[in-house]
C-alpha atoms as a PDB file:
ATOM      1  CA  MET A   1     102.200 106.656 122.871  1.00  0.00           C
ATOM      2  CA  ARG A   2     101.946 110.026 121.064  1.00  0.00           C
ATOM      3  CA  PRO A   3     104.805 112.480 120.687  1.00  0.00           C
ATOM      4  CA  ASP A   4     104.252 116.098 121.650  1.00  0.00           C
ATOM      5  CA  ASP A   5     105.771 117.504 118.465  1.00  0.00           C
ATOM      6  CA  LEU A   6     103.424 116.081 115.833  1.00  0.00           C
ATOM      7  CA  ASP A   7     102.621 119.500 114.410  1.00  0.00           C
ATOM      8  CA  ASP A   8     104.822 122.359 113.285  1.00  0.00           C
ATOM      9  CA  ALA A   9     101.990 124.483 111.879  1.00  0.00           C
ATOM     10  CA  VAL A  10     100.314 125.307 115.180  1.00  0.00           C
ATOM     11  CA  ASP A  11     101.355 125.615 118.808  1.00  0.00           C
ATOM     12  CA  LEU A  12      99.914 122.494 120.410  1.00  0.00           C
ATOM     13  CA  LEU A  13      99.844 121.167 123.951  1.00  0.00           C
ATOM     14  CA  PRO A  14     100.623 117.500 124.775  1.00  0.00           C
ATOM     15  CA  LEU A  15      97.427 115.468 125.031  1.00  0.00           C
ATOM     16  CA  PRO A  16      97.636 112.530 127.449  1.00  0.00           C
ATOM     17  CA  SER A  17      94.094 111.523 126.527  1.00  0.00           C
ATOM     18  CA  GLY A  18      94.941 111.190 122.841  1.00  0.00           C
ATOM     19  CA  GLU A  19      93.008 114.175 121.517  1.00  0.00           C
ATOM     20  CA  ARG A  20      94.027 117.383 119.744  1.00  0.00           C
ATOM     21  CA  ALA A  21      91.932 120.302 118.640  1.00  0.00           C
ATOM     22  CA  GLY A  22      92.015 123.803 117.235  1.00  0.00           C
ATOM     23  CA  VAL A  23      89.667 126.712 116.831  1.00  0.00           C
ATOM     24  CA  ARG A  24      89.936 130.140 115.291  1.00  0.00           C
ATOM     25  CA  GLY A  25      89.324 132.849 117.898  1.00  0.00           C
ATOM     26  CA  ARG A  26      90.732 135.796 119.778  1.00  0.00           C
ATOM     27  CA  PRO A  27      93.873 135.487 121.873  1.00  0.00           C
ATOM     28  CA  SER A  28      93.695 135.758 125.628  1.00  0.00           C
ATOM     29  CA  GLY A  29      96.254 134.830 128.207  1.00  0.00           C
ATOM     30  CA  ASN A  30      95.281 131.526 129.734  1.00  0.00           C
ATOM     31  CA  VAL A  31      95.124 127.873 128.851  1.00  0.00           C
ATOM     32  CA  SER A  32      93.108 125.511 131.010  1.00  0.00           C
ATOM     33  CA  THR A  33      93.655 121.759 130.828  1.00  0.00           C
ATOM     34  CA  ALA A  34      92.424 118.606 132.564  1.00  0.00           C
ATOM     35  CA  ARG A  35      91.753 114.957 131.841  1.00  0.00           C
ATOM     36  CA  ALA A  36      88.362 114.054 130.468  1.00  0.00           C
ATOM     37  CA  PRO A  37      85.907 111.626 132.034  1.00  0.00           C
ATOM     38  CA  THR A  38      85.519 108.442 130.010  1.00  0.00           C
ATOM     39  CA  ASP A  39      81.995 107.328 130.856  1.00  0.00           C
ATOM     40  CA  SER A  40      80.510 107.930 127.392  1.00  0.00           C
ATOM     41  CA  PRO A  41      81.914 108.834 123.963  1.00  0.00           C
ATOM     42  CA  ALA A  42      79.859 111.973 123.536  1.00  0.00           C
ATOM     43  CA  SER A  43      80.580 113.309 127.013  1.00  0.00           C
ATOM     44  CA  ARG A  44      84.174 114.218 126.272  1.00  0.00           C
ATOM     45  CA  GLY A  45      85.061 117.768 125.275  1.00  0.00           C
ATOM     46  CA  PRO A  46      87.982 120.142 125.066  1.00  0.00           C
ATOM     47  CA  SER A  47      89.122 122.610 127.639  1.00  0.00           C
ATOM     48  CA  PRO A  48      89.028 126.349 126.903  1.00  0.00           C
ATOM     49  CA  GLN A  49      91.773 127.560 124.589  1.00  0.00           C
ATOM     50  CA  SER A  50      93.558 130.832 124.634  1.00  0.00           C
ATOM     51  CA  SER A  51      94.612 131.780 121.162  1.00  0.00           C
ATOM     52  CA  PRO A  52      93.768 131.343 117.488  1.00  0.00           C
ATOM     53  CA  ARG A  53      94.972 128.211 115.703  1.00  0.00           C
ATOM     54  CA  ARG A  54      96.305 126.859 118.965  1.00  0.00           C
ATOM     55  CA  GLY A  55      95.814 123.266 120.073  1.00  0.00           C
ATOM     56  CA  GLU A  56      93.967 122.332 123.202  1.00  0.00           C
ATOM     57  CA  GLU A  57      94.108 119.430 125.578  1.00  0.00           C
ATOM     58  CA  ASP A  58      91.027 117.301 126.076  1.00  0.00           C
ATOM     59  CA  GLY A  59      89.554 118.382 129.388  1.00  0.00           C
ATOM     60  CA  LEU A  60      86.391 118.446 131.427  1.00  0.00           C
ATOM     61  CA  PRO A  61      83.300 118.857 129.260  1.00  0.00           C
ATOM     62  CA  ALA A  62      82.924 122.459 128.094  1.00  0.00           C
ATOM     63  CA  PRO A  63      79.987 123.889 126.173  1.00  0.00           C
ATOM     64  CA  GLN A  64      80.535 124.274 122.454  1.00  0.00           C
ATOM     65  CA  ARG A  65      80.293 127.770 121.050  1.00  0.00           C
ATOM     66  CA  LYS A  66      76.863 127.671 119.414  1.00  0.00           C
ATOM     67  CA  PRO A  67      76.634 128.980 115.842  1.00  0.00           C
ATOM     68  CA  SER A  68      74.733 132.177 115.329  1.00  0.00           C
ATOM     69  CA  PRO A  69      71.188 131.706 113.980  1.00  0.00           C
ATOM     70  CA  LYS A  70      72.250 134.028 111.157  1.00  0.00           C
ATOM     71  CA  ALA A  71      75.337 131.956 110.358  1.00  0.00           C
ATOM     72  CA  LYS A  72      75.494 129.744 107.335  1.00  0.00           C
ATOM     73  CA  ARG A  73      74.895 126.080 108.033  1.00  0.00           C
ATOM     74  CA  LEU A  74      78.042 124.660 109.634  1.00  0.00           C
ATOM     75  CA  ILE A  75      78.952 121.171 108.483  1.00  0.00           C
ATOM     76  CA  ALA A  76      81.512 119.009 110.280  1.00  0.00           C
ATOM     77  CA  GLY A  77      83.250 116.507 108.047  1.00  0.00           C
ATOM     78  CA  VAL A  78      84.252 113.325 109.892  1.00  0.00           C
ATOM     79  CA  ASP A  79      86.636 110.557 108.836  1.00  0.00           C
ATOM     80  CA  GLU A  80      89.083 108.059 110.288  1.00  0.00           C
ATOM     81  CA  ALA A  81      92.466 106.580 109.517  1.00  0.00           C
ATOM     82  CA  GLY A  82      93.723 103.226 110.709  1.00  0.00           C
ATOM     83  CA  ARG A  83      90.782 100.824 110.849  1.00  0.00           C
ATOM     84  CA  GLY A  84      92.626  98.072 109.025  1.00  0.00           C
ATOM     85  CA  PRO A  85      96.168  97.969 110.484  1.00  0.00           C
ATOM     86  CA  LEU A  86      97.359  95.264 112.835  1.00  0.00           C
ATOM     87  CA  ALA A  87      99.055  97.821 115.074  1.00  0.00           C
ATOM     88  CA  GLY A  88      98.656 101.336 116.371  1.00  0.00           C
ATOM     89  CA  PRO A  89      95.696 103.485 117.358  1.00  0.00           C
ATOM     90  CA  LEU A  90      92.726 104.559 115.296  1.00  0.00           C
ATOM     91  CA  ALA A  91      92.684 108.268 114.416  1.00  0.00           C
ATOM     92  CA  VAL A  92      89.347 110.049 113.930  1.00  0.00           C
ATOM     93  CA  ALA A  93      89.023 113.708 112.951  1.00  0.00           C
ATOM     94  CA  ALA A  94      86.214 116.231 112.627  1.00  0.00           C
ATOM     95  CA  VAL A  95      86.668 119.484 110.700  1.00  0.00           C
ATOM     96  CA  ILE A  96      84.441 122.514 110.084  1.00  0.00           C
ATOM     97  CA  LEU A  97      85.874 124.400 107.140  1.00  0.00           C
ATOM     98  CA  ASN A  98      85.748 128.174 106.983  1.00  0.00           C
ATOM     99  CA  PRO A  99      83.897 129.293 103.829  1.00  0.00           C
ATOM    100  CA  ARG A 100      85.943 132.504 103.844  1.00  0.00           C
ATOM    101  CA  HIS A 101      89.233 130.609 103.687  1.00  0.00           C
ATOM    102  CA  LYS A 102      89.014 128.128 100.827  1.00  0.00           C
ATOM    103  CA  ILE A 103      91.539 125.306 100.596  1.00  0.00           C
ATOM    104  CA  GLN A 104      92.346 124.069  97.122  1.00  0.00           C
ATOM    105  CA  GLY A 105      93.187 120.438  96.382  1.00  0.00           C
ATOM    106  CA  LEU A 106      91.289 118.668  99.160  1.00  0.00           C
ATOM    107  CA  ASP A 107      90.683 114.997  98.363  1.00  0.00           C
ATOM    108  CA  ASP A 108      90.609 111.549  99.903  1.00  0.00           C
ATOM    109  CA  SER A 109      93.886 111.356 101.826  1.00  0.00           C
ATOM    110  CA  LYS A 110      94.661 107.947 100.319  1.00  0.00           C
ATOM    111  CA  LYS A 111      94.800 109.520  96.860  1.00  0.00           C
ATOM    112  CA  LEU A 112      97.345 112.159  97.872  1.00  0.00           C
ATOM    113  CA  THR A 113     101.085 111.890  98.182  1.00  0.00           C
ATOM    114  CA  GLU A 114     102.602 112.221 101.623  1.00  0.00           C
ATOM    115  CA  ALA A 115     104.060 115.623 100.736  1.00  0.00           C
ATOM    116  CA  ARG A 116     100.691 116.870  99.506  1.00  0.00           C
ATOM    117  CA  ARG A 117      98.922 115.607 102.635  1.00  0.00           C
ATOM    118  CA  GLU A 118     101.426 117.408 104.842  1.00  0.00           C
ATOM    119  CA  ALA A 119     100.975 120.660 102.923  1.00  0.00           C
ATOM    120  CA  LEU A 120      97.193 120.438 103.111  1.00  0.00           C
ATOM    121  CA  TYR A 121      97.321 119.513 106.804  1.00  0.00           C
ATOM    122  CA  ALA A 122      99.108 122.760 107.558  1.00  0.00           C
ATOM    123  CA  GLN A 123      96.497 124.732 105.614  1.00  0.00           C
ATOM    124  CA  ILE A 124      93.585 122.962 107.300  1.00  0.00           C
ATOM    125  CA  VAL A 125      94.748 123.616 110.859  1.00  0.00           C
ATOM    126  CA  GLN A 126      95.428 127.250 109.974  1.00  0.00           C
ATOM    127  CA  ARG A 127      92.242 127.991 108.031  1.00  0.00           C
ATOM    128  CA  ALA A 128      89.512 125.711 109.395  1.00  0.00           C
ATOM    129  CA  LEU A 129      86.827 127.222 111.575  1.00  0.00           C
ATOM    130  CA  ALA A 130      87.329 124.336 114.025  1.00  0.00           C
ATOM    131  CA  TRP A 131      88.938 120.894 114.082  1.00  0.00           C
ATOM    132  CA  HIS A 132      89.390 118.047 116.537  1.00  0.00           C
ATOM    133  CA  VAL A 133      91.249 114.745 116.250  1.00  0.00           C
ATOM    134  CA  VAL A 134      90.949 111.721 118.519  1.00  0.00           C
ATOM    135  CA  LEU A 135      93.292 108.762 118.938  1.00  0.00           C
ATOM    136  CA  VAL A 136      91.483 105.608 120.076  1.00  0.00           C
ATOM    137  CA  ASP A 137      94.118 103.409 121.670  1.00  0.00           C
ATOM    138  CA  VAL A 138      94.810  99.733 121.046  1.00  0.00           C
ATOM    139  CA  GLU A 139      93.390  98.655 124.398  1.00  0.00           C
ATOM    140  CA  GLU A 140      89.993 100.190 123.607  1.00  0.00           C
ATOM    141  CA  ILE A 141      89.986  98.733 120.095  1.00  0.00           C
ATOM    142  CA  ASP A 142      90.601  95.266 121.495  1.00  0.00           C
ATOM    143  CA  ARG A 143      88.026  95.706 124.251  1.00  0.00           C
ATOM    144  CA  ILE A 144      85.054  96.917 122.192  1.00  0.00           C
ATOM    145  CA  ASN A 145      86.101  95.947 118.597  1.00  0.00           C
ATOM    146  CA  ILE A 146      87.220  98.175 115.751  1.00  0.00           C
ATOM    147  CA  PHE A 147      83.729  99.075 114.537  1.00  0.00           C
ATOM    148  CA  GLN A 148      82.552 100.266 117.946  1.00  0.00           C
ATOM    149  CA  ALA A 149      85.881 102.067 118.462  1.00  0.00           C
ATOM    150  CA  THR A 150      85.322 103.905 115.171  1.00  0.00           C
ATOM    151  CA  MET A 151      81.786 104.928 116.131  1.00  0.00           C
ATOM    152  CA  ALA A 152      82.950 106.109 119.566  1.00  0.00           C
ATOM    153  CA  GLY A 153      85.862 108.036 118.061  1.00  0.00           C
ATOM    154  CA  MET A 154      83.567 109.817 115.620  1.00  0.00           C
ATOM    155  CA  CYS A 155      81.273 110.910 118.448  1.00  0.00           C
ATOM    156  CA  ARG A 156      84.223 112.192 120.468  1.00  0.00           C
ATOM    157  CA  ALA A 157      85.675 114.049 117.514  1.00  0.00           C
ATOM    158  CA  VAL A 158      82.427 115.902 116.776  1.00  0.00           C
ATOM    159  CA  ALA A 159      81.738 116.556 120.471  1.00  0.00           C
ATOM    160  CA  GLY A 160      85.252 117.972 120.822  1.00  0.00           C
ATOM    161  CA  LEU A 161      84.736 120.706 118.231  1.00  0.00           C
ATOM    162  CA  LYS A 162      84.829 124.078 119.955  1.00  0.00           C
ATOM    163  CA  VAL A 163      82.200 125.372 117.535  1.00  0.00           C
ATOM    164  CA  ALA A 164      79.020 123.307 117.372  1.00  0.00           C
ATOM    165  CA  ALA A 165      78.115 121.959 113.949  1.00  0.00           C
ATOM    166  CA  HIS A 166      74.584 122.018 112.578  1.00  0.00           C
ATOM    167  CA  GLU A 167      75.244 118.608 111.016  1.00  0.00           C
ATOM    168  CA  ALA A 168      78.015 116.008 110.776  1.00  0.00           C
ATOM    169  CA  TRP A 169      78.820 114.319 107.481  1.00  0.00           C
ATOM    170  CA  ILE A 170      80.367 110.905 108.080  1.00  0.00           C
ATOM    171  CA  ASP A 171      82.436 109.056 105.506  1.00  0.00           C
ATOM    172  CA  GLY A 172      80.956 105.591 104.950  1.00  0.00           C
ATOM    173  CA  ASN A 173      77.578 103.895 105.308  1.00  0.00           C
ATOM    174  CA  GLN A 174      77.262 103.796 109.102  1.00  0.00           C
ATOM    175  CA  LEU A 175      76.096 106.638 111.320  1.00  0.00           C
ATOM    176  CA  PRO A 176      77.140 106.719 115.005  1.00  0.00           C
ATOM    177  CA  LYS A 177      74.098 106.771 117.278  1.00  0.00           C
ATOM    178  CA  ALA A 178      75.591 109.084 119.910  1.00  0.00           C
ATOM    179  CA  LEU A 179      76.501 112.048 117.702  1.00  0.00           C
ATOM    180  CA  PRO A 180      75.855 115.381 119.448  1.00  0.00           C
ATOM    181  CA  CYS A 181      74.162 116.755 116.301  1.00  0.00           C
ATOM    182  CA  PRO A 182      72.220 115.387 113.307  1.00  0.00           C
ATOM    183  CA  GLY A 183      74.358 113.334 110.969  1.00  0.00           C
ATOM    184  CA  LYS A 184      74.516 111.946 107.457  1.00  0.00           C
ATOM    185  CA  ALA A 185      76.524 108.952 106.228  1.00  0.00           C
ATOM    186  CA  ILE A 186      78.036 109.488 102.774  1.00  0.00           C
ATOM    187  CA  VAL A 187      79.675 106.584 100.950  1.00  0.00           C
ATOM    188  CA  GLY A 188      82.894 107.822  99.357  1.00  0.00           C
ATOM    189  CA  GLY A 189      82.438 111.139 101.117  1.00  0.00           C
ATOM    190  CA  ASP A 190      86.178 111.635 101.568  1.00  0.00           C
ATOM    191  CA  ALA A 191      86.450 112.166  97.815  1.00  0.00           C
ATOM    192  CA  LEU A 192      83.153 114.043  97.413  1.00  0.00           C
ATOM    193  CA  LYS A 193      82.855 116.510 100.292  1.00  0.00           C
ATOM    194  CA  PRO A 194      85.707 118.912 101.108  1.00  0.00           C
ATOM    195  CA  ALA A 195      84.974 118.871 104.852  1.00  0.00           C
ATOM    196  CA  ILE A 196      85.258 115.070 104.939  1.00  0.00           C
ATOM    197  CA  SER A 197      88.403 115.229 102.801  1.00  0.00           C
ATOM    198  CA  ALA A 198      89.902 117.637 105.331  1.00  0.00           C
ATOM    199  CA  ALA A 199      89.029 115.294 108.194  1.00  0.00           C
ATOM    200  CA  SER A 200      90.559 112.402 106.266  1.00  0.00           C
ATOM    201  CA  ILE A 201      93.815 114.334 105.866  1.00  0.00           C
ATOM    202  CA  ILE A 202      93.972 115.428 109.514  1.00  0.00           C
ATOM    203  CA  ALA A 203      93.358 111.863 110.710  1.00  0.00           C
ATOM    204  CA  LYS A 204      95.880 110.242 108.373  1.00  0.00           C
ATOM    205  CA  VAL A 205      98.699 112.738 108.885  1.00  0.00           C
ATOM    206  CA  THR A 206      98.244 112.565 112.667  1.00  0.00           C
ATOM    207  CA  ARG A 207      98.367 108.779 112.657  1.00  0.00           C
ATOM    208  CA  ASP A 208     101.228 108.497 110.161  1.00  0.00           C
ATOM    209  CA  ARG A 209     103.391 110.847 112.215  1.00  0.00           C
ATOM    210  CA  LEU A 210     102.651 108.836 115.326  1.00  0.00           C
ATOM    211  CA  MET A 211     103.572 105.535 113.675  1.00  0.00           C
ATOM    212  CA  CYS A 212     106.875 107.016 112.484  1.00  0.00           C
ATOM    213  CA  ALA A 213     107.621 107.998 116.092  1.00  0.00           C
ATOM    214  CA  MET A 214     106.628 104.517 117.286  1.00  0.00           C
ATOM    215  CA  ASP A 215     109.100 102.998 114.835  1.00  0.00           C
ATOM    216  CA  VAL A 216     111.868 104.416 117.016  1.00  0.00           C
ATOM    217  CA  GLN A 217     110.350 103.035 120.219  1.00  0.00           C
ATOM    218  CA  HIS A 218     109.622  99.619 118.699  1.00  0.00           C
ATOM    219  CA  PRO A 219     112.403  98.976 116.160  1.00  0.00           C
ATOM    220  CA  GLY A 220     112.382  96.040 113.806  1.00  0.00           C
ATOM    221  CA  TYR A 221     108.737  96.083 112.756  1.00  0.00           C
ATOM    222  CA  GLY A 222     109.033  98.796 110.106  1.00  0.00           C
ATOM    223  CA  PHE A 223     106.171 100.943 111.423  1.00  0.00           C
ATOM    224  CA  ALA A 224     107.534 104.057 109.676  1.00  0.00           C
ATOM    225  CA  GLY A 225     107.040 102.344 106.333  1.00  0.00           C
ATOM    226  CA  HIS A 226     103.845 100.302 106.523  1.00  0.00           C
ATOM    227  CA  LYS A 227     102.190 102.270 109.393  1.00  0.00           C
ATOM    228  CA  GLY A 228     100.990  99.043 110.996  1.00  0.00           C
ATOM    229  CA  TYR A 229      99.235  97.543 107.959  1.00  0.00           C
ATOM    230  CA  SER A 230      99.580  93.830 107.194  1.00  0.00           C
ATOM    231  CA  THR A 231     102.316  94.004 104.569  1.00  0.00           C
ATOM    232  CA  PRO A 232     104.558  90.974 103.950  1.00  0.00           C
ATOM    233  CA  GLU A 233     107.370  92.793 105.754  1.00  0.00           C
ATOM    234  CA  HIS A 234     105.185  93.456 108.792  1.00  0.00           C
ATOM    235  CA  LEU A 235     103.923  89.872 108.937  1.00  0.00           C
ATOM    236  CA  ALA A 236     107.474  88.568 108.686  1.00  0.00           C
ATOM    237  CA  ALA A 237     108.559  90.846 111.538  1.00  0.00           C
ATOM    238  CA  LEU A 238     105.604  89.647 113.630  1.00  0.00           C
ATOM    239  CA  ARG A 239     106.666  86.031 113.173  1.00  0.00           C
ATOM    240  CA  ARG A 240     110.288  86.898 113.919  1.00  0.00           C
ATOM    241  CA  LEU A 241     109.834  89.238 116.887  1.00  0.00           C
ATOM    242  CA  GLY A 242     106.367  88.447 118.170  1.00  0.00           C
ATOM    243  CA  PRO A 243     103.794  91.184 118.950  1.00  0.00           C
ATOM    244  CA  CYS A 244     104.693  94.411 120.722  1.00  0.00           C
ATOM    245  CA  PRO A 245     102.344  96.545 122.881  1.00  0.00           C
ATOM    246  CA  LEU A 246     101.184  98.439 119.767  1.00  0.00           C
ATOM    247  CA  HIS A 247      99.696  95.324 118.186  1.00  0.00           C
ATOM    248  CA  ARG A 248      95.951  94.727 118.264  1.00  0.00           C
ATOM    249  CA  ARG A 249      95.377  91.400 119.979  1.00  0.00           C
ATOM    250  CA  SER A 250      91.871  91.095 118.525  1.00  0.00           C
ATOM    251  CA  PHE A 251      93.136  91.124 114.916  1.00  0.00           C
ATOM    252  CA  ALA A 252      93.600  87.686 113.382  1.00  0.00           C
ATOM    253  CA  PRO A 253      97.362  87.452 112.657  1.00  0.00           C
ATOM    254  CA  VAL A 254      98.228  88.901 116.065  1.00  0.00           C
ATOM    255  CA  LYS A 255      95.579  86.858 117.877  1.00  0.00           C
ATOM    256  CA  LEU A 256      96.977  83.697 116.313  1.00  0.00           C
ATOM    257  CA  LEU A 257     100.386  84.381 117.816  1.00  0.00           C
ATOM    258  CA  PHE A 258      98.862  84.916 121.249  1.00  0.00           C
ATOM    259  CA  ASP A 259      96.763  81.762 120.891  1.00  0.00           C
ATOM    260  CA  GLN A 260      99.971  79.882 120.127  1.00  0.00           C
ATOM    261  CA  GLY A 261     101.442  81.165 123.355  1.00  0.00           C
ATOM    262  CA  SER A 262     103.682  83.912 121.939  1.00  0.00           C
ATOM    263  CA  LEU A 263     104.101  86.802 124.382  1.00  0.00           C
ATOM    264  CA  PHE A 264     105.781  90.183 124.157  1.00  0.00           C
END
């Protein structure tokens, strides 16, 4: 469901579990990977990583690198992309920005052009102190609903950060209960707080790239253009072709087709 070449800015491993992460650190010689257990959202964590700015596969739970008591307060910005679409996964990202490596122009990803988002994405993965992005698949969205999938994804994203945050700032008015650190919900935070803006950009660029790749695997729906949202073109394609495996069966227009007996 997710191509292995989503990112040109960093050397990233394929992630069968739908998670990607990075951390600034010292290079060594080994990369350890494994699948994560799925018993609880906050129990999932990344495997050790070998080099700076390099991606890591979600693996068996590993302890986060605790911030020094003398360190400035580390804030993880958290945001999602893809709550509303009829198709495709939900992407949730957590980012701890590095105060020594400022990034100019951070804003709500929806306000930025695609070219600007791509440019900022490259800067974020290179300069952030730590970042982690989670893809919550369609099956989980349909099983537990989009709100619970968002809350679970946020917990996984924060728990997956290689460096532990003192606090997580969540875009919106709902705070996940299983966060591994104290949290704060901030309405409109993606336009107000740079760390949340960075998370918004990471989540959206990751998801948009995936939906462009899925357009090749599922032609005819126009995923590269509308990214799974309920545009007139997408709705027309749904009526013409019926749902594909990327479509969320719990969302009304898709559910209606299944209720009418349409199968893919």
